[in-house]
Amino acid sequence: MRRWFLILLVFSGVRVAAAATATVEFGAVDIGAAQVRYLNASTLNIDAATLTSATIENDDGDHWFSFAGTGCDGATSCTFVPAIDLSGPAKVIPFRCSPPINATGTRIARVVLRGTPADPTAVPLLVCAANSGQLEFTPSDGILDFGGLDLALVMHTAMSTVTVKNIGMAPISISASSVTGPDVARFVVGAIPLGPIAPGATVPIAVTYTPIAERPLADPDAAQINLTLTGPVSDSAIAIQLRGHGISRHASLVSVGEVPETFVKPGGAAPKIPVTIANTGEAVLGLSLPTITNPSVWRSRTPIRSTSPAARRTRSSSSSIRKRPAPRRRRCSPSTRAIRRIRRSPRP
């Protein structure tokens, strides 16, 4: 006869402490704006039965994160009044992410919870990315410098382009534009389209410069393009500088060497007299077809070179002039004249 035994196993309900870590994802939040997300405290499997307070840590000094809602709105530490009872229906804690106007990248902070009968071991995380537009200029410094333009050229007009690119993650809109400055008449700026610039998009701005007068390098013609921006951007107004100056050339006699005493018909021993001419302008100075007066005495020995612009202002062109004294009537010594007179006397 078979006998069956029934063994009943009875398990008592024991709560196992599991340090689960929840993450509150805010996603991309526009700089200067705010988003609120909620932490479901009831799903953390924390040791405490009641939450009494919480603190946001690792948020650096500009505090992207804060508590939201009544009682602790805008604070980084909160004492819950009344305490949050986790035994009842689901409980949530609201948090806010507010990236400042100059924020970039992604911020991660943690929430330290406290409760009874023991502090929870769970450490929830707050993750938020700053969403903004960011402009990049070409030229990179935002200064379009045309340099020096030679006024002697028939066409002394230069053309170039300023490129504005949105390298950020959010669209930026150009709401207004203008061109101002003391020499705005020298610059012609093409049409600037108003409206949004999508991430990765570029806006080319054509600029033409025509100088009308010589200007020093330290005091060029100047103007600027002004752009008014709207959207998540750190600067709502930007200026692109425009520069350029007209240049010319100026010959200046620097020095003429001393002329020493010279023998008659010295041949290869004729002295060379250096003549130095400097270019005090910024355009290239070309010297050609030199004219020398009294060519029977003076002549040029070395070719005259073109001088470079005086942006260096120390360069000069030197040329040597050789003295070739004119021949004079030959005179005899007294003894020679006597001999000649003797030879010319008639014989007795």
Protein backbone atom coordinates (compact mmCIF):
# COMPACT_ATOMS: atom_id res chain seq x y z
CA MET A 1 0.00 0.00 0.00
CA ARG A 2 1.39 3.28 -1.05
CA ARG A 3 1.32 6.26 1.23
CA TRP A 4 1.48 9.81 0.06
CA PHE A 5 2.93 12.54 2.15
CA LEU A 6 2.16 16.13 1.51
CA ILE A 7 4.85 18.55 2.55
CA LEU A 8 3.79 22.12 2.71
CA LEU A 9 6.50 24.70 2.34
CA VAL A 10 5.57 28.06 3.70
CA PHE A 11 7.71 31.12 2.82
CA SER A 12 7.36 34.24 4.80
CA GLY A 13 7.40 37.51 2.87
CA VAL A 14 10.83 39.11 3.34
CA ARG A 15 11.67 42.50 1.61
CA VAL A 16 15.02 42.28 -0.16
CA ALA A 17 16.91 45.58 -0.36
CA ALA A 18 17.93 46.19 -3.96
CA ALA A 19 19.90 49.36 -4.68
CA ALA A 20 18.22 50.12 -7.98
CA THR A 21 19.39 53.29 -9.76
CA ALA A 22 16.81 55.22 -11.74
CA THR A 23 17.70 57.79 -14.37
CA VAL A 24 15.64 60.87 -15.10
CA GLU A 25 16.26 61.77 -18.74
CA PHE A 26 15.45 65.36 -19.72
CA GLY A 27 16.74 65.05 -23.26
CA ALA A 28 17.79 68.25 -25.05
CA VAL A 29 16.63 71.43 -23.31
CA ASP A 30 17.06 74.85 -24.92
CA ILE A 31 19.50 77.13 -23.13
CA GLY A 32 17.68 79.78 -21.17
CA ALA A 33 14.58 77.53 -21.00
CA ALA A 34 13.45 74.77 -18.60
CA GLN A 35 11.92 71.30 -18.62
CA VAL A 36 10.35 69.33 -15.75
CA ARG A 37 10.63 65.55 -15.41
CA TYR A 38 9.50 63.19 -12.62
CA LEU A 39 11.26 60.54 -10.57
CA ASN A 40 8.99 57.63 -9.62
CA ALA A 41 10.22 56.97 -6.11
CA SER A 42 7.95 53.96 -5.67
CA THR A 43 9.90 51.91 -8.22
CA LEU A 44 13.33 52.33 -6.68
CA ASN A 45 13.12 49.28 -4.31
CA ILE A 46 14.77 51.37 -1.62
CA ASP A 47 15.25 50.36 1.99
CA ALA A 48 13.34 53.28 3.48
CA ALA A 49 9.58 53.16 3.96
CA THR A 50 9.38 56.93 4.11
CA LEU A 51 11.40 59.60 2.31
CA THR A 52 12.14 62.64 4.45
CA SER A 53 14.54 64.71 2.29
CA ALA A 54 16.71 64.76 -0.84
CA THR A 55 19.72 66.70 -2.16
CA ILE A 56 21.00 67.21 -5.71
CA GLU A 57 24.78 66.73 -5.90
CA ASN A 58 27.53 66.98 -8.56
CA ASP A 59 25.79 69.86 -10.32
CA ASP A 60 28.83 72.16 -10.32
CA GLY A 61 28.36 75.85 -9.61
CA ASP A 62 25.83 76.95 -12.23
CA HIS A 63 23.06 74.57 -11.03
CA TRP A 64 21.29 73.21 -14.05
CA PHE A 65 19.03 71.08 -11.81
CA SER A 66 16.56 71.97 -9.07
CA PHE A 67 13.43 70.64 -7.42
CA ALA A 68 10.12 71.64 -8.98
CA GLY A 69 6.74 72.03 -7.36
CA THR A 70 5.50 73.61 -4.17
CA GLY A 71 7.60 73.78 -1.07
CA CYS A 72 11.03 73.28 -2.67
CA ASP A 73 10.65 74.93 -6.06
CA GLY A 74 14.02 76.09 -7.38
CA ALA A 75 16.02 74.61 -4.48
CA THR A 76 18.79 72.00 -4.67
CA SER A 77 17.89 70.50 -1.28
CA CYS A 78 14.39 69.65 -0.16
CA THR A 79 12.77 68.46 3.07
CA PHE A 80 9.52 66.74 2.22
CA VAL A 81 6.59 68.05 4.25
CA PRO A 82 4.85 65.79 4.82
CA ALA A 83 7.30 62.94 4.33
CA ILE A 84 6.70 60.76 1.29
CA ASP A 85 5.10 57.45 2.31
CA LEU A 86 6.24 54.79 -0.16
CA SER A 87 3.78 52.15 1.07
CA GLY A 88 0.79 53.70 -0.64
CA PRO A 89 0.16 54.67 -4.26
CA ALA A 90 3.03 55.58 -6.54
CA LYS A 91 4.89 58.69 -5.45
CA VAL A 92 6.80 60.97 -7.79
CA ILE A 93 9.34 63.73 -7.16
CA PRO A 94 9.48 66.55 -9.75
CA PHE A 95 12.86 67.89 -10.95
CA ARG A 96 13.68 70.76 -13.28
CA CYS A 97 16.56 71.20 -15.76
CA SER A 98 17.36 74.83 -16.68
CA PRO A 99 20.59 75.10 -18.73
CA PRO A 100 21.99 78.64 -18.41
CA ILE A 101 22.42 80.82 -21.49
CA ASN A 102 26.10 79.88 -21.86
CA ALA A 103 25.63 76.15 -21.24
CA THR A 104 27.05 73.52 -23.56
CA GLY A 105 27.23 69.75 -23.57
CA THR A 106 25.51 67.31 -21.20
CA ARG A 107 25.23 67.52 -17.40
CA ILE A 108 24.77 64.53 -15.09
CA ALA A 109 23.91 64.95 -11.40
CA ARG A 110 22.81 62.53 -8.69
CA VAL A 111 20.04 62.65 -6.10
CA VAL A 112 20.90 61.63 -2.54
CA LEU A 113 17.76 60.42 -0.71
CA ARG A 114 17.17 60.23 3.04
CA GLY A 115 14.42 58.46 4.90
CA THR A 116 13.32 56.23 7.74
CA PRO A 117 13.96 53.79 9.21
CA ALA A 118 17.19 54.00 7.16
CA ASP A 119 18.60 56.09 4.37
CA PRO A 120 17.91 54.61 0.95
CA THR A 121 20.82 53.08 -0.92
CA ALA A 122 19.37 53.97 -4.32
CA VAL A 123 21.03 56.96 -6.06
CA PRO A 124 18.91 58.27 -8.95
CA LEU A 125 20.65 60.21 -11.76
CA LEU A 126 19.56 63.38 -13.55
CA VAL A 127 20.73 63.70 -17.18
CA CYS A 128 20.20 66.86 -19.25
CA ALA A 129 21.71 68.14 -22.52
CA ALA A 130 21.96 71.83 -23.36
CA ASN A 131 20.31 72.53 -26.69
CA SER A 132 21.52 75.65 -28.47
CA GLY A 133 22.55 77.13 -31.74
CA GLN A 134 26.15 78.21 -32.17
CA LEU A 135 27.52 80.33 -34.97
CA GLU A 136 30.87 79.82 -36.66
CA PHE A 137 32.32 82.52 -38.91
CA THR A 138 34.60 82.48 -41.92
CA PRO A 139 36.96 84.31 -41.42
CA SER A 140 37.16 82.60 -38.04
CA ASP A 141 37.73 85.78 -36.03
CA GLY A 142 34.71 87.53 -37.53
CA ILE A 143 36.92 90.18 -39.20
CA LEU A 144 36.94 90.52 -42.99
CA ASP A 145 40.12 92.44 -43.83
CA PHE A 146 40.68 93.32 -47.49
CA GLY A 147 44.19 94.59 -46.76
CA GLY A 148 45.75 97.26 -49.00
CA LEU A 149 44.36 97.97 -52.47
CA ASP A 150 46.53 99.83 -54.99
CA LEU A 151 44.78 103.04 -55.99
CA ALA A 152 46.82 103.23 -59.22
CA LEU A 153 45.06 100.18 -60.64
CA VAL A 154 42.12 100.86 -62.91
CA MET A 155 40.02 98.29 -61.04
CA HIS A 156 40.92 98.76 -57.38
CA THR A 157 37.85 96.93 -56.06
CA ALA A 158 37.99 93.71 -54.03
CA MET A 159 35.24 91.16 -53.45
CA SER A 160 34.99 88.57 -50.68
CA THR A 161 32.44 86.55 -48.71
CA VAL A 162 31.63 86.17 -45.03
CA THR A 163 30.12 82.79 -44.15
CA VAL A 164 27.92 82.27 -41.09
CA LYS A 165 27.36 78.60 -40.12
CA ASN A 166 25.19 77.13 -37.38
CA ILE A 167 27.30 74.42 -35.73
CA GLY A 168 24.91 74.02 -32.79
CA MET A 169 22.04 71.61 -32.22
CA ALA A 170 19.14 74.07 -32.44
CA PRO A 171 17.93 76.45 -35.15
CA ILE A 172 18.85 80.14 -34.91
CA SER A 173 16.96 82.89 -36.71
CA ILE A 174 18.35 86.12 -38.15
CA SER A 175 15.61 88.61 -37.36
CA ALA A 176 17.32 91.83 -38.50
CA SER A 177 20.53 93.07 -40.14
CA SER A 178 22.25 96.38 -40.84
CA VAL A 179 25.60 97.80 -41.98
CA THR A 180 27.07 100.68 -39.98
CA GLY A 181 30.42 102.39 -39.43
CA PRO A 182 32.37 105.52 -40.32
CA ASP A 183 33.26 104.31 -43.83
CA VAL A 184 30.14 102.34 -44.67
CA ALA A 185 30.01 103.96 -48.15
CA ARG A 186 33.21 102.10 -49.14
CA PHE A 187 31.60 98.69 -48.56
CA VAL A 188 28.71 97.13 -50.46
CA VAL A 189 27.07 94.23 -48.60
CA GLY A 190 24.86 91.79 -50.46
CA ALA A 191 21.38 90.74 -49.36
CA ILE A 192 21.26 88.93 -46.00
CA PRO A 193 18.37 86.44 -45.83
CA LEU A 194 16.24 86.70 -42.70
CA GLY A 195 14.82 83.60 -41.05
CA PRO A 196 16.03 80.40 -39.38
CA ILE A 197 19.46 78.83 -39.86
CA ALA A 198 19.10 75.10 -39.33
CA PRO A 199 21.86 73.13 -37.59
CA GLY A 200 24.64 72.60 -40.13
CA ALA A 201 23.30 75.26 -42.52
CA THR A 202 25.34 78.25 -43.75
CA VAL A 203 24.52 81.79 -44.85
CA PRO A 204 26.98 83.47 -47.28
CA ILE A 205 27.24 87.27 -47.20
CA ALA A 206 28.94 88.92 -50.21
CA VAL A 207 30.99 92.07 -49.54
CA THR A 208 32.65 94.47 -52.03
CA TYR A 209 35.23 97.08 -50.99
CA THR A 210 36.35 100.10 -53.05
CA PRO A 211 38.80 102.58 -51.48
CA ILE A 212 38.90 106.16 -52.71
CA ALA A 213 41.91 107.52 -50.84
CA GLU A 214 45.18 106.39 -49.36
CA ARG A 215 44.84 105.32 -45.72
CA PRO A 216 47.49 104.14 -43.25
CA LEU A 217 47.49 100.54 -42.10
CA ALA A 218 46.74 101.62 -38.54
CA ASP A 219 43.69 103.66 -39.62
CA PRO A 220 41.85 101.71 -42.33
CA ASP A 221 38.38 102.17 -43.76
CA ALA A 222 36.03 100.44 -41.32
CA ALA A 223 32.41 99.27 -41.13
CA GLN A 224 30.50 96.36 -39.60
CA ILE A 225 27.63 94.01 -40.37
CA ASN A 226 25.17 93.78 -37.48
CA LEU A 227 22.98 90.68 -37.06
CA THR A 228 20.12 90.31 -34.56
CA LEU A 229 19.49 86.68 -33.57
CA THR A 230 16.55 84.91 -31.96
CA GLY A 231 16.34 81.41 -30.54
CA PRO A 232 18.48 79.41 -28.12
CA VAL A 233 21.76 81.26 -28.62
CA SER A 234 24.17 82.78 -26.12
CA ASP A 235 24.52 86.10 -27.99
CA SER A 236 21.44 87.76 -29.41
CA ALA A 237 23.45 90.36 -31.37
CA ILE A 238 26.71 89.91 -33.25
CA ALA A 239 28.90 92.20 -35.37
CA ILE A 240 31.19 91.23 -38.26
CA GLN A 241 34.00 93.74 -38.76
CA LEU A 242 34.94 95.00 -42.25
CA ARG A 243 38.35 96.59 -42.94
CA GLY A 244 40.48 97.77 -45.85
CA HIS A 245 42.69 100.67 -46.94
CA GLY A 246 43.89 102.31 -50.14
CA ILE A 247 47.63 102.29 -50.82
CA SER A 248 50.04 104.14 -53.12
CA ARG A 249 53.81 104.62 -53.57
CA HIS A 250 56.11 107.53 -52.76
CA ALA A 251 59.75 107.87 -53.82
CA SER A 252 62.02 109.60 -51.34
CA LEU A 253 65.70 110.45 -51.80
CA VAL A 254 67.41 109.14 -48.70
CA SER A 255 71.07 109.88 -49.33
CA VAL A 256 73.79 110.67 -51.90
CA GLY A 257 77.34 109.61 -51.17
CA GLU A 258 80.26 112.00 -50.93
CA VAL A 259 82.11 112.78 -54.17
CA PRO A 260 85.87 112.45 -53.64
CA GLU A 261 88.65 114.16 -55.62
CA THR A 262 89.06 112.27 -58.87
CA PHE A 263 91.91 111.91 -61.36
CA VAL A 264 91.48 112.93 -64.96
CA LYS A 265 90.47 109.91 -67.00
CA PRO A 266 90.64 107.52 -64.03
CA GLY A 267 89.33 104.59 -66.06
CA GLY A 268 88.37 101.67 -63.85
CA ALA A 269 89.41 103.63 -60.78
CA ALA A 270 86.52 106.07 -61.12
CA PRO A 271 84.71 106.30 -57.75
CA LYS A 272 81.20 104.97 -57.29
CA ILE A 273 78.77 107.31 -55.58
CA PRO A 274 75.84 105.49 -53.88
CA VAL A 275 72.39 107.05 -54.27
CA THR A 276 69.63 105.62 -52.02
CA ILE A 277 65.93 106.03 -52.83
CA ALA A 278 63.27 104.75 -50.38
CA ASN A 279 59.61 103.88 -50.96
CA THR A 280 57.54 105.48 -48.19
CA GLY A 281 54.25 104.13 -49.55
CA GLU A 282 52.74 100.63 -49.29
CA ALA A 283 52.39 99.90 -53.01
CA VAL A 284 55.32 98.60 -55.05
CA LEU A 285 57.47 101.43 -56.44
CA GLY A 286 59.08 100.71 -59.79
CA LEU A 287 61.99 102.93 -60.91
CA SER A 288 62.87 102.82 -64.60
CA LEU A 289 64.60 104.87 -67.32
CA PRO A 290 66.79 106.94 -65.05
CA THR A 291 67.93 110.24 -66.57
CA ILE A 292 71.40 111.53 -65.73
CA THR A 293 72.43 115.06 -66.64
CA ASN A 294 75.97 115.78 -67.87
CA PRO A 295 76.47 112.18 -69.08
CA SER A 296 80.03 112.92 -70.14
CA VAL A 297 80.94 113.04 -66.45
CA TRP A 298 78.33 110.82 -64.77
CA ARG A 299 76.84 107.49 -65.68
CA SER A 300 74.87 104.76 -63.87
CA ARG A 301 76.85 101.64 -62.96
CA THR A 302 74.15 99.39 -61.42
CA PRO A 303 70.54 98.77 -62.45
CA ILE A 304 67.86 100.49 -60.44
CA ARG A 305 65.60 97.95 -58.71
CA SER A 306 61.94 98.21 -57.80
CA THR A 307 61.32 98.74 -54.12
CA SER A 308 58.74 96.80 -52.17
CA PRO A 309 55.85 98.38 -50.29
CA ALA A 310 56.76 100.39 -47.25
CA ALA A 311 54.76 98.16 -44.99
CA ARG A 312 58.37 97.30 -44.10
CA ARG A 313 59.36 100.96 -44.57
CA THR A 314 63.03 100.11 -44.24
CA ARG A 315 63.71 98.85 -47.72
CA SER A 316 65.28 101.10 -50.31
CA SER A 317 66.83 100.94 -53.71
CA SER A 318 70.47 101.87 -54.13
CA SER A 319 72.26 102.70 -57.33
CA SER A 320 75.88 103.62 -57.94
CA ILE A 321 76.90 106.50 -60.18
CA ARG A 322 80.45 106.55 -61.41
CA LYS A 323 82.18 109.85 -61.92
CA ARG A 324 83.91 110.18 -65.30
CA PRO A 325 85.56 113.60 -65.41
CA ALA A 326 85.61 115.36 -68.77
CA PRO A 327 89.03 115.45 -70.52
CA ARG A 328 90.96 118.68 -70.14
CA ARG A 329 93.59 120.27 -72.42
CA ARG A 330 96.94 118.66 -71.84
CA ARG A 331 99.67 120.93 -70.58
CA CYS A 332 103.43 120.28 -70.68
CA SER A 333 105.92 120.86 -67.93
CA PRO A 334 108.24 123.93 -68.21
CA SER A 335 111.21 121.77 -69.24
CA THR A 336 109.21 120.22 -72.06
CA ARG A 337 108.16 123.62 -73.37
CA ALA A 338 111.78 124.74 -73.38
CA ILE A 339 112.82 121.75 -75.45
CA ARG A 340 110.10 122.45 -77.95
CA ARG A 341 111.14 126.05 -78.25
CA ILE A 342 114.73 125.01 -78.84
CA ARG A 343 113.72 122.60 -81.58
CA ARG A 344 111.79 125.30 -83.30
CA SER A 345 114.81 127.76 -83.43
CA PRO A 346 116.42 128.10 -86.90
CA ARG A 347 119.94 126.74 -87.31
CA PRO A 348 122.77 129.24 -88.04
